[in-house]
Amino acid sequence: MAYAEHLAEKAKVAIVPAAAFTKLPVRYFRISYAASMEKLKRAVDGLAKVFAEDGSFYD
């Protein structure tokens, strides 16, 4: 959940940890793409920037 909050703050993108949908321990997250192409591109750019700054988000 901490990484979801980190992405919300840094990338301005809301994600949902996949653990919210299963009892199994998972290291994935879900993203809705029900938005305009412009917003999706902005979101992907924001995620890419944060991933590049943070390195692996599994650390």
PDB file of N, CA and C in Angstrom:
ATOM      1  N   MET A   1       0.817  -1.193   0.000  1.00  0.00           N
ATOM      2  CA  MET A   1       0.000   0.000   0.000  1.00  0.00           C
ATOM      3  C   MET A   1       0.862   1.259   0.000  1.00  0.00           C
ATOM      4  N   ALA A   2       2.025   1.170   0.608  1.00  0.00           N
ATOM      5  CA  ALA A   2       2.909   2.334   0.672  1.00  0.00           C
ATOM      6  C   ALA A   2       3.342   2.763  -0.724  1.00  0.00           C
ATOM      7  N   TYR A   3       3.580   1.783  -1.610  1.00  0.00           N
ATOM      8  CA  TYR A   3       4.006   2.156  -2.964  1.00  0.00           C
ATOM      9  C   TYR A   3       2.862   2.800  -3.734  1.00  0.00           C
ATOM     10  N   ALA A   4       1.645   2.379  -3.491  1.00  0.00           N
ATOM     11  CA  ALA A   4       0.487   3.016  -4.131  1.00  0.00           C
ATOM     12  C   ALA A   4       0.405   4.479  -3.711  1.00  0.00           C
ATOM     13  N   GLU A   5       0.637   4.742  -2.447  1.00  0.00           N
ATOM     14  CA  GLU A   5       0.630   6.124  -1.959  1.00  0.00           C
ATOM     15  C   GLU A   5       1.790   6.918  -2.550  1.00  0.00           C
ATOM     16  N   HIS A   6       2.933   6.276  -2.687  1.00  0.00           N
ATOM     17  CA  HIS A   6       4.106   6.914  -3.282  1.00  0.00           C
ATOM     18  C   HIS A   6       3.808   7.324  -4.732  1.00  0.00           C
ATOM     19  N   LEU A   7       3.208   6.420  -5.511  1.00  0.00           N
ATOM     20  CA  LEU A   7       2.882   6.744  -6.900  1.00  0.00           C
ATOM     21  C   LEU A   7       1.817   7.825  -6.988  1.00  0.00           C
ATOM     22  N   ALA A   8       0.875   7.812  -6.083  1.00  0.00           N
ATOM     23  CA  ALA A   8      -0.155   8.855  -6.078  1.00  0.00           C
ATOM     24  C   ALA A   8       0.483  10.224  -5.852  1.00  0.00           C
ATOM     25  N   GLU A   9       1.439  10.270  -4.940  1.00  0.00           N
ATOM     26  CA  GLU A   9       2.090  11.544  -4.625  1.00  0.00           C
ATOM     27  C   GLU A   9       3.050  11.983  -5.729  1.00  0.00           C
ATOM     28  N   LYS A  10       3.907  11.076  -6.183  1.00  0.00           N
ATOM     29  CA  LYS A  10       4.970  11.438  -7.117  1.00  0.00           C
ATOM     30  C   LYS A  10       4.527  11.453  -8.579  1.00  0.00           C
ATOM     31  N   ALA A  11       3.742  10.453  -8.996  1.00  0.00           N
ATOM     32  CA  ALA A  11       3.350  10.342 -10.410  1.00  0.00           C
ATOM     33  C   ALA A  11       1.954  10.885 -10.673  1.00  0.00           C
ATOM     34  N   LYS A  12       1.233  11.189  -9.599  1.00  0.00           N
ATOM     35  CA  LYS A  12      -0.156  11.646  -9.723  1.00  0.00           C
ATOM     36  C   LYS A  12      -1.020  10.590 -10.414  1.00  0.00           C
ATOM     37  N   VAL A  13      -0.754   9.326 -10.065  1.00  0.00           N
ATOM     38  CA  VAL A  13      -1.478   8.191 -10.637  1.00  0.00           C
ATOM     39  C   VAL A  13      -1.996   7.346  -9.479  1.00  0.00           C
ATOM     40  N   ALA A  14      -3.265   6.993  -9.524  1.00  0.00           N
ATOM     41  CA  ALA A  14      -3.844   6.122  -8.500  1.00  0.00           C
ATOM     42  C   ALA A  14      -3.796   4.682  -8.978  1.00  0.00           C
ATOM     43  N   ILE A  15      -3.280   3.818  -8.128  1.00  0.00           N
ATOM     44  CA  ILE A  15      -3.234   2.384  -8.430  1.00  0.00           C
ATOM     45  C   ILE A  15      -3.873   1.636  -7.267  1.00  0.00           C
ATOM     46  N   VAL A  16      -4.219   0.383  -7.513  1.00  0.00           N
ATOM     47  CA  VAL A  16      -4.767  -0.468  -6.466  1.00  0.00           C
ATOM     48  C   VAL A  16      -3.879  -1.694  -6.366  1.00  0.00           C
ATOM     49  N   PRO A  17      -3.307  -1.952  -5.202  1.00  0.00           N
ATOM     50  CA  PRO A  17      -2.511  -3.161  -5.046  1.00  0.00           C
ATOM     51  C   PRO A  17      -3.366  -4.399  -5.357  1.00  0.00           C
ATOM     52  N   ALA A  18      -2.811  -5.329  -6.110  1.00  0.00           N
ATOM     53  CA  ALA A  18      -3.565  -6.527  -6.486  1.00  0.00           C
ATOM     54  C   ALA A  18      -3.988  -7.327  -5.261  1.00  0.00           C
ATOM     55  N   ALA A  19      -3.279  -7.166  -4.163  1.00  0.00           N
ATOM     56  CA  ALA A  19      -3.643  -7.864  -2.929  1.00  0.00           C
ATOM     57  C   ALA A  19      -5.059  -7.516  -2.478  1.00  0.00           C
ATOM     58  N   ALA A  20      -5.591  -6.395  -2.940  1.00  0.00           N
ATOM     59  CA  ALA A  20      -6.967  -6.023  -2.598  1.00  0.00           C
ATOM     60  C   ALA A  20      -7.976  -6.964  -3.248  1.00  0.00           C
ATOM     61  N   PHE A  21      -7.538  -7.733  -4.231  1.00  0.00           N
ATOM     62  CA  PHE A  21      -8.439  -8.612  -4.976  1.00  0.00           C
ATOM     63  C   PHE A  21      -8.200 -10.088  -4.707  1.00  0.00           C
ATOM     64  N   THR A  22      -7.224 -10.410  -3.878  1.00  0.00           N
ATOM     65  CA  THR A  22      -6.913 -11.804  -3.600  1.00  0.00           C
ATOM     66  C   THR A  22      -6.293 -11.925  -2.214  1.00  0.00           C
ATOM     67  N   LYS A  23      -6.354 -13.103  -1.654  1.00  0.00           N
ATOM     68  CA  LYS A  23      -5.723 -13.347  -0.363  1.00  0.00           C
ATOM     69  C   LYS A  23      -4.271 -13.797  -0.522  1.00  0.00           C
ATOM     70  N   LEU A  24      -3.883 -14.099  -1.742  1.00  0.00           N
ATOM     71  CA  LEU A  24      -2.517 -14.520  -2.008  1.00  0.00           C
ATOM     72  C   LEU A  24      -1.579 -13.318  -1.957  1.00  0.00           C
ATOM     73  N   PRO A  25      -0.372 -13.518  -1.482  1.00  0.00           N
ATOM     74  CA  PRO A  25       0.587 -12.405  -1.484  1.00  0.00           C
ATOM     75  C   PRO A  25       1.064 -12.144  -2.913  1.00  0.00           C
ATOM     76  N   VAL A  26       0.787 -10.982  -3.412  1.00  0.00           N
ATOM     77  CA  VAL A  26       1.188 -10.648  -4.779  1.00  0.00           C
ATOM     78  C   VAL A  26       1.918  -9.322  -4.795  1.00  0.00           C
ATOM     79  N   ARG A  27       2.758  -9.158  -5.799  1.00  0.00           N
ATOM     80  CA  ARG A  27       3.540  -7.931  -5.927  1.00  0.00           C
ATOM     81  C   ARG A  27       3.182  -7.216  -7.225  1.00  0.00           C
ATOM     82  N   TYR A  28       1.910  -7.097  -7.465  1.00  0.00           N
ATOM     83  CA  TYR A  28       1.413  -6.448  -8.670  1.00  0.00           C
ATOM     84  C   TYR A  28       0.413  -5.374  -8.270  1.00  0.00           C
ATOM     85  N   PHE A  29       0.050  -4.560  -9.227  1.00  0.00           N
ATOM     86  CA  PHE A  29      -0.998  -3.593  -8.975  1.00  0.00           C
ATOM     87  C   PHE A  29      -1.896  -3.506 -10.195  1.00  0.00           C
ATOM     88  N   ARG A  30      -3.066  -2.955 -10.001  1.00  0.00           N
ATOM     89  CA  ARG A  30      -4.040  -2.809 -11.082  1.00  0.00           C
ATOM     90  C   ARG A  30      -4.231  -1.343 -11.403  1.00  0.00           C
ATOM     91  N   ILE A  31      -4.387  -1.097 -12.687  1.00  0.00           N
ATOM     92  CA  ILE A  31      -4.602   0.257 -13.175  1.00  0.00           C
ATOM     93  C   ILE A  31      -5.817   0.238 -14.087  1.00  0.00           C
ATOM     94  N   SER A  32      -6.709   1.171 -13.919  1.00  0.00           N
ATOM     95  CA  SER A  32      -7.841   1.321 -14.826  1.00  0.00           C
ATOM     96  C   SER A  32      -7.409   2.195 -15.994  1.00  0.00           C
ATOM     97  N   TYR A  33      -7.797   1.816 -17.174  1.00  0.00           N
ATOM     98  CA  TYR A  33      -7.479   2.633 -18.343  1.00  0.00           C
ATOM     99  C   TYR A  33      -8.748   3.218 -18.969  1.00  0.00           C
ATOM    100  N   ALA A  34      -9.735   3.472 -18.129  1.00  0.00           N
ATOM    101  CA  ALA A  34     -10.993   4.085 -18.574  1.00  0.00           C
ATOM    102  C   ALA A  34     -10.841   5.605 -18.510  1.00  0.00           C
ATOM    103  N   ALA A  35     -10.011   6.127 -19.398  1.00  0.00           N
ATOM    104  CA  ALA A  35      -9.745   7.564 -19.446  1.00  0.00           C
ATOM    105  C   ALA A  35      -9.378   7.933 -20.877  1.00  0.00           C
ATOM    106  N   SER A  36      -9.255   9.207 -21.116  1.00  0.00           N
ATOM    107  CA  SER A  36      -8.880   9.662 -22.454  1.00  0.00           C
ATOM    108  C   SER A  36      -7.434   9.266 -22.755  1.00  0.00           C
ATOM    109  N   MET A  37      -7.100   9.208 -24.028  1.00  0.00           N
ATOM    110  CA  MET A  37      -5.741   8.868 -24.427  1.00  0.00           C
ATOM    111  C   MET A  37      -4.742   9.886 -23.871  1.00  0.00           C
ATOM    112  N   GLU A  38      -5.127  11.135 -23.833  1.00  0.00           N
ATOM    113  CA  GLU A  38      -4.251  12.176 -23.287  1.00  0.00           C
ATOM    114  C   GLU A  38      -3.920  11.902 -21.826  1.00  0.00           C
ATOM    115  N   LYS A  39      -4.937  11.554 -21.036  1.00  0.00           N
ATOM    116  CA  LYS A  39      -4.711  11.261 -19.620  1.00  0.00           C
ATOM    117  C   LYS A  39      -3.885   9.994 -19.439  1.00  0.00           C
ATOM    118  N   LEU A  40      -4.128   8.994 -20.293  1.00  0.00           N
ATOM    119  CA  LEU A  40      -3.354   7.757 -20.209  1.00  0.00           C
ATOM    120  C   LEU A  40      -1.884   8.005 -20.516  1.00  0.00           C
ATOM    121  N   LYS A  41      -1.611   8.798 -21.536  1.00  0.00           N
ATOM    122  CA  LYS A  41      -0.222   9.110 -21.877  1.00  0.00           C
ATOM    123  C   LYS A  41       0.458   9.857 -20.737  1.00  0.00           C
ATOM    124  N   ARG A  42      -0.247  10.807 -20.142  1.00  0.00           N
ATOM    125  CA  ARG A  42       0.304  11.557 -19.012  1.00  0.00           C
ATOM    126  C   ARG A  42       0.586  10.619 -17.839  1.00  0.00           C
ATOM    127  N   ALA A  43      -0.314   9.676 -17.590  1.00  0.00           N
ATOM    128  CA  ALA A  43      -0.133   8.725 -16.493  1.00  0.00           C
ATOM    129  C   ALA A  43       1.075   7.825 -16.742  1.00  0.00           C
ATOM    130  N   VAL A  44       1.206   7.315 -17.960  1.00  0.00           N
ATOM    131  CA  VAL A  44       2.338   6.441 -18.287  1.00  0.00           C
ATOM    132  C   VAL A  44       3.648   7.219 -18.186  1.00  0.00           C
ATOM    133  N   ASP A  45       3.657   8.450 -18.652  1.00  0.00           N
ATOM    134  CA  ASP A  45       4.856   9.279 -18.532  1.00  0.00           C
ATOM    135  C   ASP A  45       5.224   9.497 -17.064  1.00  0.00           C
ATOM    136  N   GLY A  46       4.220   9.751 -16.234  1.00  0.00           N
ATOM    137  CA  GLY A  46       4.469   9.944 -14.807  1.00  0.00           C
ATOM    138  C   GLY A  46       5.007   8.687 -14.148  1.00  0.00           C
ATOM    139  N   LEU A  47       4.421   7.534 -14.493  1.00  0.00           N
ATOM    140  CA  LEU A  47       4.903   6.268 -13.944  1.00  0.00           C
ATOM    141  C   LEU A  47       6.331   5.998 -14.394  1.00  0.00           C
ATOM    142  N   ALA A  48       6.610   6.201 -15.675  1.00  0.00           N
ATOM    143  CA  ALA A  48       7.956   5.948 -16.199  1.00  0.00           C
ATOM    144  C   ALA A  48       8.985   6.817 -15.481  1.00  0.00           C
ATOM    145  N   LYS A  49       8.642   8.063 -15.232  1.00  0.00           N
ATOM    146  CA  LYS A  49       9.559   8.966 -14.548  1.00  0.00           C
ATOM    147  C   LYS A  49       9.844   8.477 -13.129  1.00  0.00           C
ATOM    148  N   VAL A  50       8.809   8.105 -12.419  1.00  0.00           N
ATOM    149  CA  VAL A  50       8.990   7.634 -11.039  1.00  0.00           C
ATOM    150  C   VAL A  50       9.760   6.319 -11.030  1.00  0.00           C
ATOM    151  N   PHE A  51       9.436   5.395 -11.930  1.00  0.00           N
ATOM    152  CA  PHE A  51      10.166   4.116 -11.979  1.00  0.00           C
ATOM    153  C   PHE A  51      11.648   4.357 -12.269  1.00  0.00           C
ATOM    154  N   ALA A  52      11.941   5.292 -13.171  1.00  0.00           N
ATOM    155  CA  ALA A  52      13.338   5.596 -13.500  1.00  0.00           C
ATOM    156  C   ALA A  52      14.063   6.199 -12.290  1.00  0.00           C
ATOM    157  N   GLU A  53      13.386   7.047 -11.556  1.00  0.00           N
ATOM    158  CA  GLU A  53      13.986   7.677 -10.373  1.00  0.00           C
ATOM    159  C   GLU A  53      14.175   6.674  -9.238  1.00  0.00           C
ATOM    160  N   ASP A  54      13.202   5.801  -9.070  1.00  0.00           N
ATOM    161  CA  ASP A  54      13.217   4.858  -7.941  1.00  0.00           C
ATOM    162  C   ASP A  54      14.023   3.610  -8.206  1.00  0.00           C
ATOM    163  N   GLY A  55      14.285   3.299  -9.460  1.00  0.00           N
ATOM    164  CA  GLY A  55      14.848   2.009  -9.783  1.00  0.00           C
ATOM    165  C   GLY A  55      13.726   0.997  -9.723  1.00  0.00           C
ATOM    166  N   SER A  56      14.017  -0.221  -9.368  1.00  0.00           N
ATOM    167  CA  SER A  56      12.990  -1.248  -9.287  1.00  0.00           C
ATOM    168  C   SER A  56      12.010  -0.922  -8.185  1.00  0.00           C
ATOM    169  N   PHE A  57      10.716  -1.071  -8.473  1.00  0.00           N
ATOM    170  CA  PHE A  57       9.741  -0.811  -7.425  1.00  0.00           C
ATOM    171  C   PHE A  57       9.532  -2.020  -6.523  1.00  0.00           C
ATOM    172  N   TYR A  58      10.339  -3.084  -6.714  1.00  0.00           N
ATOM    173  CA  TYR A  58      10.278  -4.243  -5.833  1.00  0.00           C
ATOM    174  C   TYR A  58      11.261  -4.130  -4.681  1.00  0.00           C
ATOM    175  N   ASP A  59      12.124  -3.136  -4.714  1.00  0.00           N
ATOM    176  CA  ASP A  59      13.124  -2.990  -3.655  1.00  0.00           C
ATOM    177  C   ASP A  59      12.479  -2.613  -2.346  1.00  0.00           C
TER     178      ASP A  59
END
